[in-house]
Amino acid sequence: MRLLVVEDDPDLRRQLVSALEDAGYAVDAAKDGEEGHFLGDTEPYDAVVLDLGLPIIDGVSVLEKWRRAGRKMPVLILTARDRWSDKVAGFDAGADDYVAKPFHMEEVLARIRALVRRAAGHATSELSVGPVVLDTKSSRVSVDGMPVKLTSLEFRLLSYLMHHKGKVVSRTELVEHLYDQDFDRDSNTVEVFVGRLRKKLGADVLHTVRGMGYTVNEPDDAP
């Protein structure tokens, strides 16, 4: 999953990026509304953390521009605790949720997990396909109840596919949603990680659709 953090406070921005990366996300960051709007308008993100009090272009205006342009990614806004009017303005502009400053980082992580789940049509933190269970809260994977140890990139790839269970996901889409801007998008790492996942999972749930991409399905529903 790939996220965007738009926050002008450098310390808070670093803390958010670090916490989200530690939680298994690929994260891009912007320090003002202009840069944030450009990234959100040109890159595919699974969710955005957006401060409202931004320089150059304020957060509400950034969000309004995204929504007018048809950008539908879930947006979590950051607001001052005593500014209820900011929350209203944010929701009216198209926000999906908010966190008031100061906040606990675990709350941000929980709300991001919920936004990503809901956007993909899932109601709980556990995603399953056949004997494979992925817990987005604990970042753990098991097969037939036995834990499977994955690298952060392997987990990120499996998580994206399981959030989109039954859908054929192209290599290009995977690269766009799994890696930040600095990643070498001409590499063959997706194919490498798919091969590793198949070996580690052992279950017949991860499939290649020739010429189209990859999908996870119940074993009896393989394409």
Protein backbone atom coordinates (compact mmCIF):
# COMPACT_ATOMS: atom_id res chain seq x y z
CA MET A 1 0.00 0.00 0.00
CA ARG A 2 1.27 3.46 -0.91
CA LEU A 3 0.48 6.56 1.14
CA LEU A 4 1.04 10.30 0.88
CA VAL A 5 1.75 12.50 3.91
CA VAL A 6 1.24 16.25 3.47
CA GLU A 7 2.47 18.06 6.58
CA ASP A 8 4.50 21.27 6.89
CA ASP A 9 5.95 20.62 10.36
CA PRO A 10 9.24 18.80 9.60
CA ASP A 11 9.40 16.88 12.88
CA LEU A 12 5.81 15.67 12.68
CA ARG A 13 6.22 14.84 9.01
CA ARG A 14 9.27 12.68 9.79
CA GLN A 15 7.43 10.97 12.65
CA LEU A 16 4.43 10.19 10.46
CA VAL A 17 6.55 8.88 7.59
CA SER A 18 8.66 6.75 9.94
CA ALA A 19 5.63 5.25 11.73
CA LEU A 20 3.81 4.48 8.48
CA GLU A 21 6.91 2.92 6.90
CA ASP A 22 7.45 0.82 10.03
CA ALA A 23 3.84 -0.33 9.64
CA GLY A 24 4.63 -1.65 6.16
CA TYR A 25 3.52 1.18 3.87
CA ALA A 26 5.40 2.85 1.04
CA VAL A 27 5.27 6.57 1.85
CA ASP A 28 5.81 9.79 -0.10
CA ALA A 29 5.83 13.14 1.72
CA ALA A 30 5.16 16.77 0.86
CA LYS A 31 5.92 19.87 2.93
CA ASP A 32 3.30 22.26 1.52
CA GLY A 33 -0.06 22.31 -0.23
CA GLU A 34 1.34 22.94 -3.67
CA GLU A 35 3.65 19.93 -3.63
CA GLY A 36 1.00 17.82 -1.93
CA HIS A 37 -1.64 18.68 -4.50
CA PHE A 38 0.72 17.85 -7.36
CA LEU A 39 1.64 14.44 -5.95
CA GLY A 40 -1.96 13.55 -5.11
CA ASP A 41 -3.06 14.63 -8.56
CA THR A 42 -0.41 12.69 -10.49
CA GLU A 43 0.41 9.60 -8.41
CA PRO A 44 -1.86 6.71 -7.32
CA TYR A 45 -2.18 6.55 -3.52
CA ASP A 46 -4.19 4.15 -1.39
CA ALA A 47 -4.70 6.87 1.25
CA VAL A 48 -3.51 10.36 2.18
CA VAL A 49 -2.72 12.01 5.52
CA LEU A 50 -3.41 15.71 4.96
CA ASP A 51 -2.77 18.60 7.34
CA LEU A 52 -5.22 21.46 6.89
CA GLY A 53 -2.91 24.29 7.97
CA LEU A 54 -0.51 24.15 5.03
CA PRO A 55 1.54 26.93 3.41
CA ILE A 56 1.06 28.06 -0.23
CA ILE A 57 -2.24 26.14 -0.61
CA ASP A 58 -4.28 25.22 2.47
CA GLY A 59 -5.38 21.64 3.02
CA VAL A 60 -9.09 22.23 2.38
CA SER A 61 -8.31 23.80 -1.00
CA VAL A 62 -5.99 20.90 -1.88
CA LEU A 63 -8.71 18.40 -1.03
CA GLU A 64 -11.35 20.30 -2.98
CA LYS A 65 -9.08 20.34 -6.04
CA TRP A 66 -8.51 16.58 -5.79
CA ARG A 67 -12.19 15.80 -5.50
CA ARG A 68 -13.13 18.09 -8.38
CA ALA A 69 -10.54 16.29 -10.49
CA GLY A 70 -12.12 12.93 -9.61
CA ARG A 71 -9.40 11.75 -7.22
CA LYS A 72 -11.12 9.27 -4.91
CA MET A 73 -8.37 8.05 -2.56
CA PRO A 74 -9.35 8.09 1.15
CA VAL A 75 -8.11 11.20 2.97
CA LEU A 76 -7.41 11.49 6.70
CA ILE A 77 -7.18 15.15 7.73
CA LEU A 78 -5.15 16.51 10.64
CA THR A 79 -6.81 19.36 12.52
CA ALA A 80 -6.23 21.51 15.59
CA ARG A 81 -8.20 20.08 18.52
CA ASP A 82 -10.19 23.25 19.21
CA ARG A 83 -11.05 24.08 15.60
CA TRP A 84 -14.33 22.24 15.03
CA SER A 85 -14.95 24.46 12.02
CA ASP A 86 -11.86 22.97 10.34
CA LYS A 87 -13.30 19.50 10.75
CA VAL A 88 -16.58 20.57 9.15
CA ALA A 89 -14.77 22.27 6.28
CA GLY A 90 -12.62 19.19 5.77
CA PHE A 91 -15.57 16.83 5.62
CA ASP A 92 -17.45 19.17 3.29
CA ALA A 93 -14.40 19.22 1.01
CA GLY A 94 -14.39 15.42 0.79
CA ALA A 95 -12.39 14.11 3.76
CA ASP A 96 -13.10 10.59 4.97
CA ASP A 97 -11.89 10.90 8.57
CA TYR A 98 -9.90 13.18 10.87
CA VAL A 99 -7.46 13.14 13.77
CA ALA A 100 -7.10 16.13 16.09
CA LYS A 101 -3.65 17.36 17.12
CA PRO A 102 -1.95 16.38 19.33
CA PHE A 103 -2.62 12.74 18.61
CA HIS A 104 -1.26 9.29 19.36
CA MET A 105 0.47 7.73 16.38
CA GLU A 106 -1.36 4.45 16.96
CA GLU A 107 -4.65 6.25 16.32
CA VAL A 108 -3.40 7.51 12.96
CA LEU A 109 -2.26 3.99 12.03
CA ALA A 110 -5.60 2.49 13.06
CA ARG A 111 -7.60 5.07 11.10
CA ILE A 112 -5.44 4.57 8.00
CA ARG A 113 -5.94 0.80 8.21
CA ALA A 114 -9.70 1.33 8.47
CA LEU A 115 -9.79 3.74 5.52
CA VAL A 116 -7.81 1.38 3.29
CA ARG A 117 -9.99 -1.57 4.32
CA ARG A 118 -13.24 0.25 3.66
CA ALA A 119 -12.02 1.57 0.31
CA ALA A 120 -11.37 -2.03 -0.74
CA GLY A 121 -14.71 -3.25 0.65
CA HIS A 122 -13.44 -5.08 3.74
CA ALA A 123 -15.00 -4.79 7.18
CA THR A 124 -12.35 -6.35 9.46
CA SER A 125 -8.60 -6.32 9.90
CA GLU A 126 -8.30 -9.98 8.86
CA LEU A 127 -8.22 -10.75 5.14
CA SER A 128 -8.40 -14.36 4.05
CA VAL A 129 -8.15 -16.41 0.90
CA GLY A 130 -8.21 -20.19 1.20
CA PRO A 131 -5.94 -21.16 4.11
CA VAL A 132 -4.07 -17.85 3.99
CA VAL A 133 -4.95 -15.18 6.57
CA LEU A 134 -3.40 -11.70 6.62
CA ASP A 135 -3.97 -9.47 9.65
CA THR A 136 -3.55 -5.80 8.72
CA LYS A 137 -3.46 -4.80 12.40
CA SER A 138 -0.59 -7.04 13.48
CA SER A 139 1.04 -7.31 10.02
CA ARG A 140 1.10 -11.08 10.38
CA VAL A 141 0.37 -13.83 7.87
CA SER A 142 -0.56 -17.42 8.56
CA VAL A 143 -1.34 -20.51 6.49
CA ASP A 144 -3.59 -23.11 8.09
CA GLY A 145 -3.03 -21.30 11.39
CA MET A 146 0.77 -21.51 11.17
CA PRO A 147 2.68 -18.20 11.02
CA VAL A 148 4.61 -17.39 7.86
CA LYS A 149 7.54 -14.98 8.03
CA LEU A 150 7.55 -12.43 5.20
CA THR A 151 9.81 -9.50 4.42
CA SER A 152 8.20 -6.05 4.47
CA LEU A 153 8.03 -5.95 0.66
CA GLU A 154 6.59 -9.46 0.43
CA PHE A 155 3.95 -8.51 3.00
CA ARG A 156 3.16 -5.29 1.13
CA LEU A 157 2.67 -7.17 -2.14
CA LEU A 158 0.47 -9.85 -0.58
CA SER A 159 -1.54 -7.24 1.32
CA TYR A 160 -2.31 -5.26 -1.83
CA LEU A 161 -3.40 -8.37 -3.72
CA MET A 162 -5.55 -9.60 -0.83
CA HIS A 163 -7.19 -6.21 -0.44
CA HIS A 164 -8.16 -6.66 -4.11
CA LYS A 165 -9.04 -10.35 -3.93
CA GLY A 166 -10.44 -11.71 -7.17
CA LYS A 167 -9.17 -8.77 -9.23
CA VAL A 168 -6.37 -9.16 -11.76
CA VAL A 169 -3.74 -6.59 -10.80
CA SER A 170 -1.20 -5.58 -13.43
CA ARG A 171 2.51 -5.38 -12.71
CA THR A 172 2.36 -1.64 -13.38
CA GLU A 173 -0.38 -1.14 -10.80
CA LEU A 174 1.56 -3.18 -8.24
CA VAL A 175 4.70 -1.12 -8.77
CA GLU A 176 2.75 2.13 -8.52
CA HIS A 177 1.11 1.11 -5.23
CA LEU A 178 3.99 -0.74 -3.56
CA TYR A 179 6.93 1.60 -3.91
CA ASP A 180 7.69 5.25 -3.28
CA GLN A 181 8.88 7.70 -5.92
CA ASP A 182 12.54 6.74 -5.60
CA PHE A 183 12.02 3.10 -6.56
CA ASP A 184 13.49 1.79 -9.82
CA ARG A 185 10.29 0.96 -11.70
CA ASP A 186 12.11 -0.85 -14.48
CA SER A 187 13.28 -3.65 -12.22
CA ASN A 188 11.79 -7.16 -12.11
CA THR A 189 11.35 -7.24 -8.35
CA VAL A 190 7.60 -7.85 -8.55
CA GLU A 191 8.20 -11.15 -10.34
CA VAL A 192 10.87 -12.07 -7.80
CA PHE A 193 8.59 -11.35 -4.83
CA VAL A 194 5.68 -13.24 -6.40
CA GLY A 195 7.92 -16.28 -6.75
CA ARG A 196 9.07 -16.02 -3.14
CA LEU A 197 5.51 -15.63 -1.88
CA ARG A 198 4.36 -18.74 -3.71
CA LYS A 199 7.11 -20.77 -2.06
CA LYS A 200 6.47 -19.38 1.41
CA LEU A 201 2.69 -19.68 1.28
CA GLY A 202 2.65 -23.11 -0.28
CA ALA A 203 -1.07 -22.68 -0.93
CA ASP A 204 -2.50 -22.41 -4.45
CA VAL A 205 -3.97 -18.93 -4.04
CA LEU A 206 -1.55 -16.60 -5.88
CA HIS A 207 -1.89 -16.85 -9.65
CA THR A 208 -0.32 -15.33 -12.73
CA VAL A 209 -2.74 -14.30 -15.48
CA ARG A 210 -0.55 -14.37 -18.56
CA GLY A 211 -0.21 -11.00 -20.23
CA MET A 212 -2.36 -9.29 -17.59
CA GLY A 213 -0.88 -9.57 -14.10
CA TYR A 214 -1.53 -11.36 -10.82
CA THR A 215 -4.52 -12.28 -8.66
CA VAL A 216 -5.35 -14.04 -5.41
CA ASN A 217 -8.36 -16.35 -5.42
CA GLU A 218 -9.76 -19.25 -3.48
CA PRO A 219 -8.00 -22.44 -4.64
CA ASP A 220 -11.13 -23.67 -6.44
CA ASP A 221 -11.56 -20.33 -8.23
CA ALA A 222 -8.20 -20.13 -9.96
CA PRO A 223 -8.35 -18.33 -13.31
